[in-house]
Amino acid sequence: MIKDKKKKKVSSEGLSTKEKMLARKKQLESKGNGSGLVYPKEGTLRMRIKSPGDDQELGIEIIQFYLGGNLGGVISPATFDEPCPFMEKYQELKNSKDEDDKELAKNLVPRRRYVIGGIIYSDEKGSKVDYEGKDKGVLVPRSVYQDIIDLYLDEDEAGDMTDPKTGYDIKIIRSGSGKLDTTYSARACKPTKLDKKYQGTIDLEGIVRSQIKSYDELEDLLSQYLNEDHGDDEDDNPKKKKKKGVHKDHYMEDDEPKKKKRKYKSDI
């Protein structure tokens, strides 16, 4: 049996470049399955925020286009200053002299959101981790990120929540699901030591990038959104999409008129 294992080891070392690249592709895809974004639903989401690294901001500001209906929202490559068909189309429509184009541009305004990352718990008490303890990104509105920044900077009552020994969990509380009744707040839990197997930094940029579609894929989504048929050269006047309503499950308002009062370390 020992000889067989040695042979297998030697055999793996003799893989061709293509075989090694394929093996690496499978490995990366496997790791990628553990990544992703979590959207806070109505109720309470408890998490332990992890640091992306020394001297790194805890969250990433992303640019998102919300398409409504089954298309949902897409994260724009413009987040990382890379080409994006949605951003290009938005600028084109916005700068157009055609009033219909300008009206359509209003439905395609890019939104600013924030992604924080760490360990998600499956219960409010933080007794059990979710997603097999894999790092996840959480998409939050500006108000929640502001709360988290305030907690981080408040050394008297809260402080650095990412410290594995003296840090604490965060509760993100969402109330409501529509444009006019949705509010968010973030609360600090009591300090708790983070299990060693969950400690370390988080590849937050990698998580965000894993959710960004290719330029071609985004072009296809844009075509669906605008109801354009790019395959018919005879159609010189593509149909413009009618105004869409807001999908309540994914609504996040940048400037929330209502905001719950933040509490420090009042939870367990």
C-alpha atoms as a PDB file:
ATOM      1  CA  MET A   1       0.000   0.000   0.000  1.00  0.00           C
ATOM      2  CA  ILE A   2       2.863   2.384   0.815  1.00  0.00           C
ATOM      3  CA  LYS A   3       4.429   1.793  -2.569  1.00  0.00           C
ATOM      4  CA  ASP A   4       1.147   2.559  -4.309  1.00  0.00           C
ATOM      5  CA  LYS A   5       0.886   5.891  -2.486  1.00  0.00           C
ATOM      6  CA  LYS A   6       4.404   6.797  -3.529  1.00  0.00           C
ATOM      7  CA  LYS A   7       3.604   5.984  -7.128  1.00  0.00           C
ATOM      8  CA  LYS A   8       0.541   8.190  -7.029  1.00  0.00           C
ATOM      9  CA  LYS A   9       2.590  11.038  -5.614  1.00  0.00           C
ATOM     10  CA  VAL A  10       5.175  10.724  -8.327  1.00  0.00           C
ATOM     11  CA  SER A  11       2.422  10.489 -10.921  1.00  0.00           C
ATOM     12  CA  SER A  12       0.815  13.754  -9.687  1.00  0.00           C
ATOM     13  CA  GLU A  13       4.151  15.534  -9.903  1.00  0.00           C
ATOM     14  CA  GLY A  14       4.403  14.479 -13.525  1.00  0.00           C
ATOM     15  CA  LEU A  15       1.151  16.204 -14.538  1.00  0.00           C
ATOM     16  CA  SER A  16       1.211  18.361 -17.623  1.00  0.00           C
ATOM     17  CA  THR A  17       0.639  22.113 -17.382  1.00  0.00           C
ATOM     18  CA  LYS A  18      -2.881  21.675 -18.730  1.00  0.00           C
ATOM     19  CA  GLU A  19      -3.685  18.992 -16.171  1.00  0.00           C
ATOM     20  CA  LYS A  20      -2.331  21.125 -13.354  1.00  0.00           C
ATOM     21  CA  MET A  21      -4.345  24.106 -14.536  1.00  0.00           C
ATOM     22  CA  LEU A  22      -7.512  22.008 -14.694  1.00  0.00           C
ATOM     23  CA  ALA A  23      -6.859  20.733 -11.178  1.00  0.00           C
ATOM     24  CA  ARG A  24      -6.366  24.287  -9.959  1.00  0.00           C
ATOM     25  CA  LYS A  25      -9.575  25.374 -11.707  1.00  0.00           C
ATOM     26  CA  LYS A  26     -11.544  22.717  -9.831  1.00  0.00           C
ATOM     27  CA  GLN A  27      -9.898  23.743  -6.573  1.00  0.00           C
ATOM     28  CA  LEU A  28     -10.735  27.419  -7.054  1.00  0.00           C
ATOM     29  CA  GLU A  29     -14.299  26.608  -8.083  1.00  0.00           C
ATOM     30  CA  SER A  30     -14.665  24.489  -4.980  1.00  0.00           C
ATOM     31  CA  LYS A  31     -13.450  27.354  -2.795  1.00  0.00           C
ATOM     32  CA  GLY A  32     -15.678  29.777  -4.627  1.00  0.00           C
ATOM     33  CA  ASN A  33     -18.748  27.786  -3.684  1.00  0.00           C
ATOM     34  CA  GLY A  34     -18.176  28.794  -0.085  1.00  0.00           C
ATOM     35  CA  SER A  35     -18.166  32.465  -0.946  1.00  0.00           C
ATOM     36  CA  GLY A  36     -21.058  34.680  -1.787  1.00  0.00           C
ATOM     37  CA  LEU A  37     -23.261  37.454  -0.508  1.00  0.00           C
ATOM     38  CA  VAL A  38     -25.961  37.366   2.119  1.00  0.00           C
ATOM     39  CA  TYR A  39     -28.890  39.807   1.938  1.00  0.00           C
ATOM     40  CA  PRO A  40     -30.359  40.659   5.349  1.00  0.00           C
ATOM     41  CA  LYS A  41     -33.996  39.623   5.433  1.00  0.00           C
ATOM     42  CA  GLU A  42     -36.656  41.016   7.703  1.00  0.00           C
ATOM     43  CA  GLY A  43     -35.648  40.157  11.236  1.00  0.00           C
ATOM     44  CA  THR A  44     -32.194  39.842  12.814  1.00  0.00           C
ATOM     45  CA  LEU A  45     -28.941  38.664  11.279  1.00  0.00           C
ATOM     46  CA  ARG A  46     -26.065  38.022  13.669  1.00  0.00           C
ATOM     47  CA  MET A  47     -22.488  37.943  12.426  1.00  0.00           C
ATOM     48  CA  ARG A  48     -18.871  38.316  13.491  1.00  0.00           C
ATOM     49  CA  ILE A  49     -17.121  40.792  11.234  1.00  0.00           C
ATOM     50  CA  LYS A  50     -13.614  39.807  10.179  1.00  0.00           C
ATOM     51  CA  SER A  51     -10.868  42.134   9.045  1.00  0.00           C
ATOM     52  CA  PRO A  52      -9.802  42.094   5.363  1.00  0.00           C
ATOM     53  CA  GLY A  53      -6.229  42.692   6.577  1.00  0.00           C
ATOM     54  CA  ASP A  54      -3.954  45.228   8.228  1.00  0.00           C
ATOM     55  CA  ASP A  55      -4.763  48.845   7.403  1.00  0.00           C
ATOM     56  CA  GLN A  56      -7.788  47.742   5.358  1.00  0.00           C
ATOM     57  CA  GLU A  57     -11.257  49.245   5.713  1.00  0.00           C
ATOM     58  CA  LEU A  58     -13.729  46.745   7.135  1.00  0.00           C
ATOM     59  CA  GLY A  59     -16.128  47.085   4.201  1.00  0.00           C
ATOM     60  CA  ILE A  60     -16.073  47.611   0.457  1.00  0.00           C
ATOM     61  CA  GLU A  61     -18.234  50.216  -1.241  1.00  0.00           C
ATOM     62  CA  ILE A  62     -19.818  48.600  -4.285  1.00  0.00           C
ATOM     63  CA  ILE A  63     -21.740  49.989  -7.244  1.00  0.00           C
ATOM     64  CA  GLN A  64     -24.949  48.098  -7.913  1.00  0.00           C
ATOM     65  CA  PHE A  65     -27.608  48.313 -10.587  1.00  0.00           C
ATOM     66  CA  TYR A  66     -31.017  47.066  -9.543  1.00  0.00           C
ATOM     67  CA  LEU A  67     -33.024  45.629 -12.435  1.00  0.00           C
ATOM     68  CA  GLY A  68     -36.124  44.454 -10.598  1.00  0.00           C
ATOM     69  CA  GLY A  69     -38.250  41.382 -11.211  1.00  0.00           C
ATOM     70  CA  ASN A  70     -36.392  38.117 -11.864  1.00  0.00           C
ATOM     71  CA  LEU A  71     -33.205  39.921 -12.874  1.00  0.00           C
ATOM     72  CA  GLY A  72     -32.582  41.298  -9.393  1.00  0.00           C
ATOM     73  CA  GLY A  73     -29.470  43.360  -8.781  1.00  0.00           C
ATOM     74  CA  VAL A  74     -26.010  43.160 -10.304  1.00  0.00           C
ATOM     75  CA  ILE A  75     -22.709  44.366  -8.916  1.00  0.00           C
ATOM     76  CA  SER A  76     -20.926  46.548 -11.418  1.00  0.00           C
ATOM     77  CA  PRO A  77     -17.268  45.996 -12.361  1.00  0.00           C
ATOM     78  CA  ALA A  78     -17.064  49.790 -11.996  1.00  0.00           C
ATOM     79  CA  THR A  79     -16.719  48.950  -8.293  1.00  0.00           C
ATOM     80  CA  PHE A  80     -13.081  48.264  -9.144  1.00  0.00           C
ATOM     81  CA  ASP A  81     -12.839  50.896 -11.913  1.00  0.00           C
ATOM     82  CA  GLU A  82     -13.324  48.275 -14.624  1.00  0.00           C
ATOM     83  CA  PRO A  83     -15.504  48.520 -17.780  1.00  0.00           C
ATOM     84  CA  CYS A  84     -19.221  47.932 -17.232  1.00  0.00           C
ATOM     85  CA  PRO A  85     -21.938  47.920 -19.939  1.00  0.00           C
ATOM     86  CA  PHE A  86     -24.544  49.111 -17.419  1.00  0.00           C
ATOM     87  CA  MET A  87     -22.467  52.120 -16.445  1.00  0.00           C
ATOM     88  CA  GLU A  88     -21.750  52.903 -20.089  1.00  0.00           C
ATOM     89  CA  LYS A  89     -25.449  52.673 -20.972  1.00  0.00           C
ATOM     90  CA  TYR A  90     -26.438  54.792 -18.012  1.00  0.00           C
ATOM     91  CA  GLN A  91     -24.012  57.545 -19.016  1.00  0.00           C
ATOM     92  CA  GLU A  92     -25.237  57.352 -22.621  1.00  0.00           C
ATOM     93  CA  LEU A  93     -28.886  57.684 -21.629  1.00  0.00           C
ATOM     94  CA  LYS A  94     -28.186  60.376 -19.063  1.00  0.00           C
ATOM     95  CA  ASN A  95     -26.282  62.525 -21.568  1.00  0.00           C
ATOM     96  CA  SER A  96     -28.783  61.986 -24.372  1.00  0.00           C
ATOM     97  CA  LYS A  97     -30.911  64.876 -25.635  1.00  0.00           C
ATOM     98  CA  ASP A  98     -33.833  62.518 -26.043  1.00  0.00           C
ATOM     99  CA  GLU A  99     -36.309  62.903 -23.168  1.00  0.00           C
ATOM    100  CA  ASP A 100     -37.263  59.223 -23.303  1.00  0.00           C
ATOM    101  CA  ASP A 101     -33.614  58.293 -22.853  1.00  0.00           C
ATOM    102  CA  LYS A 102     -33.285  60.631 -19.899  1.00  0.00           C
ATOM    103  CA  GLU A 103     -36.397  59.105 -18.365  1.00  0.00           C
ATOM    104  CA  LEU A 104     -35.003  55.605 -18.836  1.00  0.00           C
ATOM    105  CA  ALA A 105     -31.730  56.695 -17.246  1.00  0.00           C
ATOM    106  CA  LYS A 106     -33.642  57.440 -14.037  1.00  0.00           C
ATOM    107  CA  ASN A 107     -34.470  53.737 -13.772  1.00  0.00           C
ATOM    108  CA  LEU A 108     -30.852  52.786 -14.251  1.00  0.00           C
ATOM    109  CA  VAL A 109     -29.206  55.021 -11.682  1.00  0.00           C
ATOM    110  CA  PRO A 110     -26.280  53.191 -10.021  1.00  0.00           C
ATOM    111  CA  ARG A 111     -26.619  52.632  -6.300  1.00  0.00           C
ATOM    112  CA  ARG A 112     -23.930  52.628  -3.643  1.00  0.00           C
ATOM    113  CA  ARG A 113     -23.993  49.717  -1.227  1.00  0.00           C
ATOM    114  CA  TYR A 114     -21.486  48.254   1.201  1.00  0.00           C
ATOM    115  CA  VAL A 115     -20.233  44.731   1.762  1.00  0.00           C
ATOM    116  CA  ILE A 116     -18.853  43.586   5.102  1.00  0.00           C
ATOM    117  CA  GLY A 117     -17.699  40.041   5.683  1.00  0.00           C
ATOM    118  CA  GLY A 118     -17.215  37.387   8.294  1.00  0.00           C
ATOM    119  CA  ILE A 119     -18.950  34.502  10.024  1.00  0.00           C
ATOM    120  CA  ILE A 120     -22.754  34.317   9.951  1.00  0.00           C
ATOM    121  CA  TYR A 121     -24.727  32.687  12.753  1.00  0.00           C
ATOM    122  CA  SER A 122     -27.901  30.709  12.233  1.00  0.00           C
ATOM    123  CA  ASP A 123     -29.461  32.035  15.432  1.00  0.00           C
ATOM    124  CA  GLU A 124     -29.656  35.360  17.261  1.00  0.00           C
ATOM    125  CA  LYS A 125     -27.755  34.038  20.291  1.00  0.00           C
ATOM    126  CA  GLY A 126     -24.679  33.201  18.235  1.00  0.00           C
ATOM    127  CA  SER A 127     -24.567  29.616  19.467  1.00  0.00           C
ATOM    128  CA  LYS A 128     -24.300  28.046  16.017  1.00  0.00           C
ATOM    129  CA  VAL A 129     -22.494  29.183  12.877  1.00  0.00           C
ATOM    130  CA  ASP A 130     -24.193  29.077   9.496  1.00  0.00           C
ATOM    131  CA  TYR A 131     -22.869  28.212   6.018  1.00  0.00           C
ATOM    132  CA  GLU A 132     -20.513  25.635   7.573  1.00  0.00           C
ATOM    133  CA  GLY A 133     -18.534  28.464   9.109  1.00  0.00           C
ATOM    134  CA  LYS A 134     -17.333  29.746   5.744  1.00  0.00           C
ATOM    135  CA  ASP A 135     -16.648  33.427   5.235  1.00  0.00           C
ATOM    136  CA  LYS A 136     -19.539  35.282   3.667  1.00  0.00           C
ATOM    137  CA  GLY A 137     -20.099  38.824   2.499  1.00  0.00           C
ATOM    138  CA  VAL A 138     -23.147  40.734   3.759  1.00  0.00           C
ATOM    139  CA  LEU A 139     -24.695  43.470   1.634  1.00  0.00           C
ATOM    140  CA  VAL A 140     -25.823  46.394   3.777  1.00  0.00           C
ATOM    141  CA  PRO A 141     -27.117  49.929   3.196  1.00  0.00           C
ATOM    142  CA  ARG A 142     -25.117  53.012   4.083  1.00  0.00           C
ATOM    143  CA  SER A 143     -26.894  53.537   7.416  1.00  0.00           C
ATOM    144  CA  VAL A 144     -25.783  50.127   8.727  1.00  0.00           C
ATOM    145  CA  TYR A 145     -22.219  50.680   7.601  1.00  0.00           C
ATOM    146  CA  GLN A 146     -22.259  54.062   9.344  1.00  0.00           C
ATOM    147  CA  ASP A 147     -23.427  52.348  12.542  1.00  0.00           C
ATOM    148  CA  ILE A 148     -20.591  49.818  12.259  1.00  0.00           C
ATOM    149  CA  ILE A 149     -18.041  52.599  11.731  1.00  0.00           C
ATOM    150  CA  ASP A 150     -19.400  54.430  14.805  1.00  0.00           C
ATOM    151  CA  LEU A 151     -19.105  51.261  16.887  1.00  0.00           C
ATOM    152  CA  TYR A 152     -15.571  50.630  15.681  1.00  0.00           C
ATOM    153  CA  LEU A 153     -14.428  54.164  16.488  1.00  0.00           C
ATOM    154  CA  ASP A 154     -16.146  54.288  19.889  1.00  0.00           C
ATOM    155  CA  GLU A 155     -13.382  52.873  22.086  1.00  0.00           C
ATOM    156  CA  ASP A 156     -15.226  53.648  25.334  1.00  0.00           C
ATOM    157  CA  GLU A 157     -18.277  51.475  24.706  1.00  0.00           C
ATOM    158  CA  ALA A 158     -17.506  49.297  21.704  1.00  0.00           C
ATOM    159  CA  GLY A 159     -14.255  49.457  19.739  1.00  0.00           C
ATOM    160  CA  ASP A 160     -12.692  46.977  17.314  1.00  0.00           C
ATOM    161  CA  MET A 161     -15.249  44.224  16.776  1.00  0.00           C
ATOM    162  CA  THR A 162     -12.804  42.186  14.656  1.00  0.00           C
ATOM    163  CA  ASP A 163     -10.403  41.362  17.494  1.00  0.00           C
ATOM    164  CA  PRO A 164     -10.569  37.549  17.960  1.00  0.00           C
ATOM    165  CA  LYS A 165     -10.225  37.815  21.757  1.00  0.00           C
ATOM    166  CA  THR A 166     -11.896  41.070  22.775  1.00  0.00           C
ATOM    167  CA  GLY A 167     -14.175  41.627  19.783  1.00  0.00           C
ATOM    168  CA  TYR A 168     -17.912  41.155  19.594  1.00  0.00           C
ATOM    169  CA  ASP A 169     -20.704  40.061  17.269  1.00  0.00           C
ATOM    170  CA  ILE A 170     -22.961  42.458  15.406  1.00  0.00           C
ATOM    171  CA  LYS A 171     -26.712  42.204  15.043  1.00  0.00           C
ATOM    172  CA  ILE A 172     -28.152  43.691  11.857  1.00  0.00           C
ATOM    173  CA  ILE A 173     -31.852  44.279  12.372  1.00  0.00           C
ATOM    174  CA  ARG A 174     -34.171  44.844   9.471  1.00  0.00           C
ATOM    175  CA  SER A 175     -37.777  45.924   9.933  1.00  0.00           C
ATOM    176  CA  GLY A 176     -40.157  46.078   6.987  1.00  0.00           C
ATOM    177  CA  SER A 177     -39.729  45.060   3.369  1.00  0.00           C
ATOM    178  CA  GLY A 178     -40.952  47.962   1.252  1.00  0.00           C
ATOM    179  CA  LYS A 179     -39.587  51.322   0.181  1.00  0.00           C
ATOM    180  CA  LEU A 180     -41.481  53.352   2.752  1.00  0.00           C
ATOM    181  CA  ASP A 181     -41.458  51.031   5.761  1.00  0.00           C
ATOM    182  CA  THR A 182     -37.987  49.448   5.750  1.00  0.00           C
ATOM    183  CA  THR A 183     -35.524  50.446   8.470  1.00  0.00           C
ATOM    184  CA  TYR A 184     -32.132  49.041   9.437  1.00  0.00           C
ATOM    185  CA  SER A 185     -29.996  49.219  12.551  1.00  0.00           C
ATOM    186  CA  ALA A 186     -26.797  47.605  13.834  1.00  0.00           C
ATOM    187  CA  ARG A 187     -26.214  46.654  17.457  1.00  0.00           C
ATOM    188  CA  ALA A 188     -23.160  45.447  19.308  1.00  0.00           C
ATOM    189  CA  CYS A 189     -23.338  42.248  21.332  1.00  0.00           C
ATOM    190  CA  LYS A 190     -21.276  41.482  24.432  1.00  0.00           C
ATOM    191  CA  PRO A 191     -17.575  40.739  23.784  1.00  0.00           C
ATOM    192  CA  THR A 192     -16.856  37.095  23.059  1.00  0.00           C
ATOM    193  CA  LYS A 193     -13.754  35.182  22.061  1.00  0.00           C
ATOM    194  CA  LEU A 194     -13.876  33.891  18.498  1.00  0.00           C
ATOM    195  CA  ASP A 195     -13.180  30.182  17.990  1.00  0.00           C
ATOM    196  CA  LYS A 196      -9.672  29.632  16.597  1.00  0.00           C
ATOM    197  CA  LYS A 197     -10.975  27.802  13.531  1.00  0.00           C
ATOM    198  CA  TYR A 198     -12.821  30.949  12.438  1.00  0.00           C
ATOM    199  CA  GLN A 199     -10.031  33.418  13.193  1.00  0.00           C
ATOM    200  CA  GLY A 200      -7.893  35.135  10.584  1.00  0.00           C
ATOM    201  CA  THR A 201      -8.502  37.690   7.868  1.00  0.00           C
ATOM    202  CA  ILE A 202     -11.149  37.557   5.165  1.00  0.00           C
ATOM    203  CA  ASP A 203     -10.680  37.890   1.406  1.00  0.00           C
ATOM    204  CA  LEU A 204     -13.503  40.381   1.094  1.00  0.00           C
ATOM    205  CA  GLU A 205     -12.459  41.648  -2.338  1.00  0.00           C
ATOM    206  CA  GLY A 206     -12.337  38.067  -3.593  1.00  0.00           C
ATOM    207  CA  ILE A 207     -15.879  37.461  -2.342  1.00  0.00           C
ATOM    208  CA  VAL A 208     -17.162  40.596  -4.076  1.00  0.00           C
ATOM    209  CA  ARG A 209     -15.324  39.795  -7.302  1.00  0.00           C
ATOM    210  CA  SER A 210     -16.774  36.276  -7.311  1.00  0.00           C
ATOM    211  CA  GLN A 211     -20.241  37.879  -7.618  1.00  0.00           C
ATOM    212  CA  ILE A 212     -19.374  40.093 -10.592  1.00  0.00           C
ATOM    213  CA  LYS A 213     -20.422  38.720 -13.961  1.00  0.00           C
ATOM    214  CA  SER A 214     -18.307  38.994 -17.084  1.00  0.00           C
ATOM    215  CA  TYR A 215     -18.752  41.924 -19.470  1.00  0.00           C
ATOM    216  CA  ASP A 216     -20.569  39.692 -21.988  1.00  0.00           C
ATOM    217  CA  GLU A 217     -22.917  38.323 -19.345  1.00  0.00           C
ATOM    218  CA  LEU A 218     -23.726  41.830 -18.179  1.00  0.00           C
ATOM    219  CA  GLU A 219     -24.417  42.887 -21.770  1.00  0.00           C
ATOM    220  CA  ASP A 220     -26.954  40.061 -22.056  1.00  0.00           C
ATOM    221  CA  LEU A 221     -28.653  41.171 -18.845  1.00  0.00           C
ATOM    222  CA  LEU A 222     -28.704  44.747 -20.068  1.00  0.00           C
ATOM    223  CA  SER A 223     -30.379  43.637 -23.283  1.00  0.00           C
ATOM    224  CA  GLN A 224     -33.042  41.803 -21.295  1.00  0.00           C
ATOM    225  CA  TYR A 225     -33.589  44.829 -19.102  1.00  0.00           C
ATOM    226  CA  LEU A 226     -33.976  47.206 -22.033  1.00  0.00           C
ATOM    227  CA  ASN A 227     -35.974  44.734 -24.113  1.00  0.00           C
ATOM    228  CA  GLU A 228     -33.591  45.209 -26.991  1.00  0.00           C
ATOM    229  CA  ASP A 229     -33.074  42.701 -29.790  1.00  0.00           C
ATOM    230  CA  HIS A 230     -29.427  43.009 -30.794  1.00  0.00           C
ATOM    231  CA  GLY A 231     -29.722  40.226 -33.302  1.00  0.00           C
ATOM    232  CA  ASP A 232     -32.043  42.091 -35.661  1.00  0.00           C
ATOM    233  CA  ASP A 233     -30.182  44.731 -37.666  1.00  0.00           C
ATOM    234  CA  GLU A 234     -33.409  45.926 -39.250  1.00  0.00           C
ATOM    235  CA  ASP A 235     -34.720  47.183 -35.949  1.00  0.00           C
ATOM    236  CA  ASP A 236     -33.193  50.643 -35.624  1.00  0.00           C
ATOM    237  CA  ASN A 237     -35.478  51.613 -32.763  1.00  0.00           C
ATOM    238  CA  PRO A 238     -35.063  49.198 -29.870  1.00  0.00           C
ATOM    239  CA  LYS A 239     -37.911  49.158 -27.421  1.00  0.00           C
ATOM    240  CA  LYS A 240     -37.326  50.880 -24.135  1.00  0.00           C
ATOM    241  CA  LYS A 241     -38.271  49.159 -20.958  1.00  0.00           C
ATOM    242  CA  LYS A 242     -41.181  50.578 -19.018  1.00  0.00           C
ATOM    243  CA  LYS A 243     -40.589  51.796 -15.516  1.00  0.00           C
ATOM    244  CA  LYS A 244     -40.181  48.999 -13.057  1.00  0.00           C
ATOM    245  CA  GLY A 245     -41.455  48.762  -9.530  1.00  0.00           C
ATOM    246  CA  VAL A 246     -39.097  48.095  -6.664  1.00  0.00           C
ATOM    247  CA  HIS A 247     -38.687  44.457  -5.636  1.00  0.00           C
ATOM    248  CA  LYS A 248     -39.368  44.534  -1.933  1.00  0.00           C
ATOM    249  CA  ASP A 249     -37.110  41.613  -0.960  1.00  0.00           C
ATOM    250  CA  HIS A 250     -33.978  43.447  -2.083  1.00  0.00           C
ATOM    251  CA  TYR A 251     -34.866  47.043  -1.324  1.00  0.00           C
ATOM    252  CA  MET A 252     -32.186  49.061   0.418  1.00  0.00           C
ATOM    253  CA  GLU A 253     -32.485  52.813   0.664  1.00  0.00           C
ATOM    254  CA  ASP A 254     -29.343  54.949   0.676  1.00  0.00           C
ATOM    255  CA  ASP A 255     -30.956  57.823   2.555  1.00  0.00           C
ATOM    256  CA  GLU A 256     -33.320  56.200   4.999  1.00  0.00           C
ATOM    257  CA  PRO A 257     -35.853  58.602   6.526  1.00  0.00           C
ATOM    258  CA  LYS A 258     -36.353  56.328   9.494  1.00  0.00           C
ATOM    259  CA  LYS A 259     -33.568  54.888  11.601  1.00  0.00           C
ATOM    260  CA  LYS A 260     -33.703  52.914  14.810  1.00  0.00           C
ATOM    261  CA  LYS A 261     -31.672  54.049  17.771  1.00  0.00           C
ATOM    262  CA  ARG A 262     -28.391  52.160  18.097  1.00  0.00           C
ATOM    263  CA  LYS A 263     -27.662  50.236  21.292  1.00  0.00           C
ATOM    264  CA  TYR A 264     -24.260  49.222  22.627  1.00  0.00           C
ATOM    265  CA  LYS A 265     -23.547  45.781  24.063  1.00  0.00           C
ATOM    266  CA  SER A 266     -27.094  45.283  25.203  1.00  0.00           C
ATOM    267  CA  ASP A 267     -27.479  41.863  23.647  1.00  0.00           C
ATOM    268  CA  ILE A 268     -26.114  38.416  24.380  1.00  0.00           C
END
